[in-house]
N, C-alpha and C. Protein backbone atom coordinates (compact mmCIF):
# COMPACT_ATOMS: atom_id res chain seq x y z
N UNK A 1 3.68 -6.26 -14.74
CA UNK A 1 2.29 -6.58 -14.64
C UNK A 1 1.93 -6.77 -13.17
N UNK A 2 0.81 -6.19 -12.76
CA UNK A 2 0.37 -6.30 -11.38
C UNK A 2 -0.89 -7.14 -11.27
N UNK A 3 -0.98 -7.87 -10.17
CA UNK A 3 -2.20 -8.62 -9.88
C UNK A 3 -2.75 -8.12 -8.55
N UNK A 4 -4.06 -8.23 -8.38
CA UNK A 4 -4.70 -7.83 -7.14
C UNK A 4 -5.15 -9.07 -6.39
N UNK A 5 -4.84 -9.11 -5.11
CA UNK A 5 -5.23 -10.23 -4.25
C UNK A 5 -6.16 -9.67 -3.19
N UNK A 6 -7.31 -10.30 -3.03
CA UNK A 6 -8.32 -9.85 -2.08
C UNK A 6 -8.21 -10.70 -0.81
N UNK A 7 -7.84 -10.06 0.28
CA UNK A 7 -7.72 -10.72 1.57
C UNK A 7 -8.93 -10.36 2.41
N UNK A 8 -9.56 -11.36 3.02
CA UNK A 8 -10.85 -11.15 3.67
C UNK A 8 -10.77 -10.94 5.18
N UNK A 9 -9.69 -11.38 5.82
CA UNK A 9 -9.58 -11.27 7.26
C UNK A 9 -8.26 -10.61 7.63
N UNK A 10 -8.27 -9.90 8.78
CA UNK A 10 -7.09 -9.16 9.20
C UNK A 10 -6.91 -9.29 10.71
N UNK A 11 -5.67 -9.49 11.13
CA UNK A 11 -5.31 -9.51 12.54
C UNK A 11 -4.51 -8.24 12.81
N UNK A 12 -5.10 -7.22 13.46
CA UNK A 12 -4.40 -5.95 13.65
C UNK A 12 -3.25 -6.04 14.65
N UNK A 13 -3.28 -6.98 15.56
CA UNK A 13 -2.20 -7.10 16.55
C UNK A 13 -0.93 -7.62 15.89
N UNK A 14 -1.06 -8.67 15.07
CA UNK A 14 0.10 -9.25 14.39
C UNK A 14 0.36 -8.63 13.03
N UNK A 15 -0.57 -7.83 12.52
CA UNK A 15 -0.51 -7.21 11.19
C UNK A 15 -0.42 -8.27 10.10
N UNK A 16 -1.30 -9.27 10.20
CA UNK A 16 -1.34 -10.37 9.26
C UNK A 16 -2.73 -10.42 8.65
N UNK A 17 -2.80 -10.58 7.32
CA UNK A 17 -4.07 -10.69 6.61
C UNK A 17 -4.09 -12.00 5.84
N UNK A 18 -5.30 -12.59 5.68
CA UNK A 18 -5.41 -13.85 4.96
C UNK A 18 -6.74 -13.96 4.25
N UNK A 19 -6.74 -14.73 3.17
CA UNK A 19 -7.98 -15.03 2.46
C UNK A 19 -8.42 -16.45 2.78
N UNK A 20 -7.49 -17.36 2.85
CA UNK A 20 -7.72 -18.72 3.34
C UNK A 20 -6.42 -19.21 3.94
N UNK A 21 -6.38 -20.39 4.48
CA UNK A 21 -5.23 -20.82 5.27
C UNK A 21 -3.95 -20.97 4.46
N UNK A 22 -4.04 -21.04 3.14
CA UNK A 22 -2.84 -21.19 2.31
C UNK A 22 -2.24 -19.86 1.87
N UNK A 23 -3.01 -18.80 1.91
CA UNK A 23 -2.55 -17.50 1.41
C UNK A 23 -2.58 -16.48 2.54
N UNK A 24 -1.40 -16.23 3.12
CA UNK A 24 -1.28 -15.35 4.28
C UNK A 24 -0.20 -14.31 3.99
N UNK A 25 -0.46 -13.05 4.35
CA UNK A 25 0.48 -11.96 4.10
C UNK A 25 0.72 -11.17 5.38
N UNK A 26 1.97 -10.79 5.59
CA UNK A 26 2.36 -9.90 6.67
C UNK A 26 2.37 -8.50 6.09
N UNK A 27 1.59 -7.58 6.69
CA UNK A 27 1.44 -6.23 6.15
C UNK A 27 1.89 -5.23 7.22
N UNK A 28 3.20 -4.93 7.27
CA UNK A 28 3.66 -3.93 8.24
C UNK A 28 3.28 -2.52 7.79
N UNK A 29 3.17 -1.61 8.74
CA UNK A 29 2.76 -0.24 8.42
C UNK A 29 3.82 0.55 7.68
N UNK A 30 5.09 0.27 7.93
CA UNK A 30 6.15 1.09 7.35
C UNK A 30 6.62 0.61 5.97
N UNK A 31 6.17 -0.55 5.51
CA UNK A 31 6.59 -1.09 4.22
C UNK A 31 5.40 -1.09 3.27
N UNK A 32 5.62 -0.66 2.03
CA UNK A 32 4.52 -0.59 1.05
C UNK A 32 4.12 -1.96 0.53
N UNK A 33 5.08 -2.84 0.35
CA UNK A 33 4.78 -4.14 -0.24
C UNK A 33 4.62 -5.20 0.84
N UNK A 34 3.53 -5.95 0.82
CA UNK A 34 3.34 -7.00 1.82
C UNK A 34 4.29 -8.18 1.59
N UNK A 35 4.52 -8.94 2.65
CA UNK A 35 5.42 -10.08 2.60
C UNK A 35 4.57 -11.34 2.71
N UNK A 36 4.69 -12.23 1.73
CA UNK A 36 3.91 -13.46 1.75
C UNK A 36 4.55 -14.45 2.72
N UNK A 37 3.71 -15.07 3.55
CA UNK A 37 4.16 -16.07 4.50
C UNK A 37 3.85 -17.45 3.97
N UNK A 38 4.78 -18.38 4.12
CA UNK A 38 4.59 -19.74 3.63
C UNK A 38 4.15 -20.65 4.77
N UNK A 39 3.18 -21.53 4.53
CA UNK A 39 2.74 -22.45 5.58
C UNK A 39 3.75 -23.57 5.80
N UNK A 40 3.93 -23.93 7.07
CA UNK A 40 4.82 -25.03 7.46
C UNK A 40 4.19 -25.75 8.65
N UNK A 41 4.76 -26.90 8.97
CA UNK A 41 4.38 -27.59 10.18
C UNK A 41 5.56 -27.56 11.14
N UNK A 42 5.30 -27.15 12.38
CA UNK A 42 6.32 -27.10 13.41
C UNK A 42 5.74 -27.71 14.67
N UNK A 43 6.32 -28.82 15.10
CA UNK A 43 5.87 -29.55 16.29
C UNK A 43 4.38 -29.89 16.22
N UNK A 44 3.91 -30.26 15.05
CA UNK A 44 2.54 -30.71 14.87
C UNK A 44 1.52 -29.60 14.66
N UNK A 45 1.94 -28.36 14.66
CA UNK A 45 1.03 -27.24 14.46
C UNK A 45 1.32 -26.54 13.14
N UNK A 46 0.28 -25.93 12.58
CA UNK A 46 0.43 -25.15 11.36
C UNK A 46 0.98 -23.78 11.73
N UNK A 47 2.10 -23.41 11.13
CA UNK A 47 2.73 -22.11 11.36
C UNK A 47 3.04 -21.46 10.02
N UNK A 48 3.27 -20.16 10.05
CA UNK A 48 3.62 -19.40 8.86
C UNK A 48 4.93 -18.67 9.11
N UNK A 49 5.76 -18.62 8.05
CA UNK A 49 7.07 -18.00 8.18
C UNK A 49 7.42 -17.32 6.87
N UNK A 50 8.04 -16.15 6.97
CA UNK A 50 8.52 -15.44 5.78
C UNK A 50 9.81 -16.10 5.31
N UNK A 51 10.05 -16.06 4.03
CA UNK A 51 11.24 -16.67 3.45
C UNK A 51 12.49 -15.96 3.98
N UNK A 52 13.41 -16.73 4.55
CA UNK A 52 14.65 -16.19 5.08
C UNK A 52 14.55 -15.64 6.49
N UNK A 53 13.41 -15.72 7.12
CA UNK A 53 13.21 -15.21 8.48
C UNK A 53 12.97 -16.38 9.44
N UNK A 54 13.22 -16.17 10.71
CA UNK A 54 13.02 -17.23 11.69
C UNK A 54 11.75 -17.03 12.51
N UNK A 55 11.11 -15.87 12.44
CA UNK A 55 9.89 -15.58 13.19
C UNK A 55 8.74 -16.41 12.63
N UNK A 56 8.06 -17.14 13.52
CA UNK A 56 6.92 -17.96 13.12
C UNK A 56 5.64 -17.40 13.73
N UNK A 57 4.56 -17.47 12.95
CA UNK A 57 3.23 -17.10 13.42
C UNK A 57 2.37 -18.36 13.36
N UNK A 58 1.82 -18.79 14.48
CA UNK A 58 0.99 -19.99 14.46
C UNK A 58 -0.41 -19.63 13.97
N UNK A 59 -1.07 -20.61 13.38
CA UNK A 59 -2.43 -20.39 12.87
C UNK A 59 -3.38 -20.07 14.02
N UNK A 60 -3.18 -20.73 15.16
CA UNK A 60 -4.03 -20.45 16.33
C UNK A 60 -3.87 -19.01 16.80
N UNK A 61 -2.64 -18.52 16.80
CA UNK A 61 -2.37 -17.16 17.22
C UNK A 61 -2.99 -16.15 16.25
N UNK A 62 -2.92 -16.43 14.97
CA UNK A 62 -3.50 -15.54 13.96
C UNK A 62 -5.03 -15.55 14.06
N UNK A 63 -5.60 -16.73 14.21
CA UNK A 63 -7.04 -16.90 14.22
C UNK A 63 -7.69 -16.28 15.45
N UNK A 64 -6.94 -16.14 16.52
CA UNK A 64 -7.48 -15.67 17.78
C UNK A 64 -8.06 -14.26 17.70
N UNK A 65 -7.42 -13.34 17.00
CA UNK A 65 -7.84 -11.95 16.95
C UNK A 65 -8.26 -11.49 15.56
N UNK A 66 -8.76 -12.39 14.73
CA UNK A 66 -9.17 -12.03 13.37
C UNK A 66 -10.43 -11.19 13.37
N UNK A 67 -10.44 -10.21 12.48
CA UNK A 67 -11.65 -9.43 12.25
C UNK A 67 -11.93 -9.46 10.74
N UNK A 68 -13.20 -9.50 10.35
CA UNK A 68 -13.50 -9.47 8.91
C UNK A 68 -13.26 -8.07 8.35
N UNK A 69 -12.27 -7.96 7.50
CA UNK A 69 -11.92 -6.69 6.87
C UNK A 69 -11.30 -7.01 5.51
N UNK A 70 -11.79 -6.38 4.48
CA UNK A 70 -11.29 -6.65 3.14
C UNK A 70 -10.10 -5.74 2.86
N UNK A 71 -8.98 -6.36 2.50
CA UNK A 71 -7.76 -5.65 2.16
C UNK A 71 -7.35 -6.12 0.77
N UNK A 72 -7.10 -5.18 -0.13
CA UNK A 72 -6.67 -5.53 -1.48
C UNK A 72 -5.18 -5.24 -1.59
N UNK A 73 -4.43 -6.27 -1.95
CA UNK A 73 -2.99 -6.19 -2.07
C UNK A 73 -2.62 -6.23 -3.54
N UNK A 74 -1.80 -5.29 -3.96
CA UNK A 74 -1.30 -5.30 -5.33
C UNK A 74 0.11 -5.85 -5.31
N UNK A 75 0.33 -6.89 -6.11
CA UNK A 75 1.61 -7.55 -6.12
C UNK A 75 2.17 -7.53 -7.53
N UNK A 76 3.45 -7.23 -7.63
CA UNK A 76 4.12 -7.17 -8.93
C UNK A 76 4.45 -8.59 -9.38
N UNK A 77 4.02 -8.93 -10.58
CA UNK A 77 4.28 -10.24 -11.16
C UNK A 77 5.53 -10.15 -12.02
N UNK A 78 6.49 -11.00 -11.76
CA UNK A 78 7.74 -10.97 -12.51
C UNK A 78 7.65 -11.93 -13.68
N UNK A 79 7.80 -11.38 -14.87
CA UNK A 79 7.75 -12.19 -16.07
C UNK A 79 9.17 -12.55 -16.50
N UNK A 80 9.35 -13.78 -16.93
CA UNK A 80 10.66 -14.23 -17.36
C UNK A 80 10.86 -13.94 -18.84
N UNK A 81 12.01 -13.39 -19.22
CA UNK A 81 12.25 -13.15 -20.65
C UNK A 81 12.57 -14.45 -21.37
N UNK A 82 12.24 -14.50 -22.64
CA UNK A 82 12.50 -15.71 -23.41
C UNK A 82 13.83 -15.64 -24.10
């Protein structure tokens, strides 16, 4: 089962799209499926990091070059068998 997520803003330099501060996705050009970034706090600032990766994107850095652009992401929903 697939769900569609509507992202309203895009940062073309970092290749990051977001709908609000809790839902942020890294959308590289060479990969079909976007990677969801989880919010964290690092040294008092809000940062985003992919699971298992050490690269952090700060909210200030993302917000600096945002442009309003609607991107629709299709994500596969994994259902658990009973």
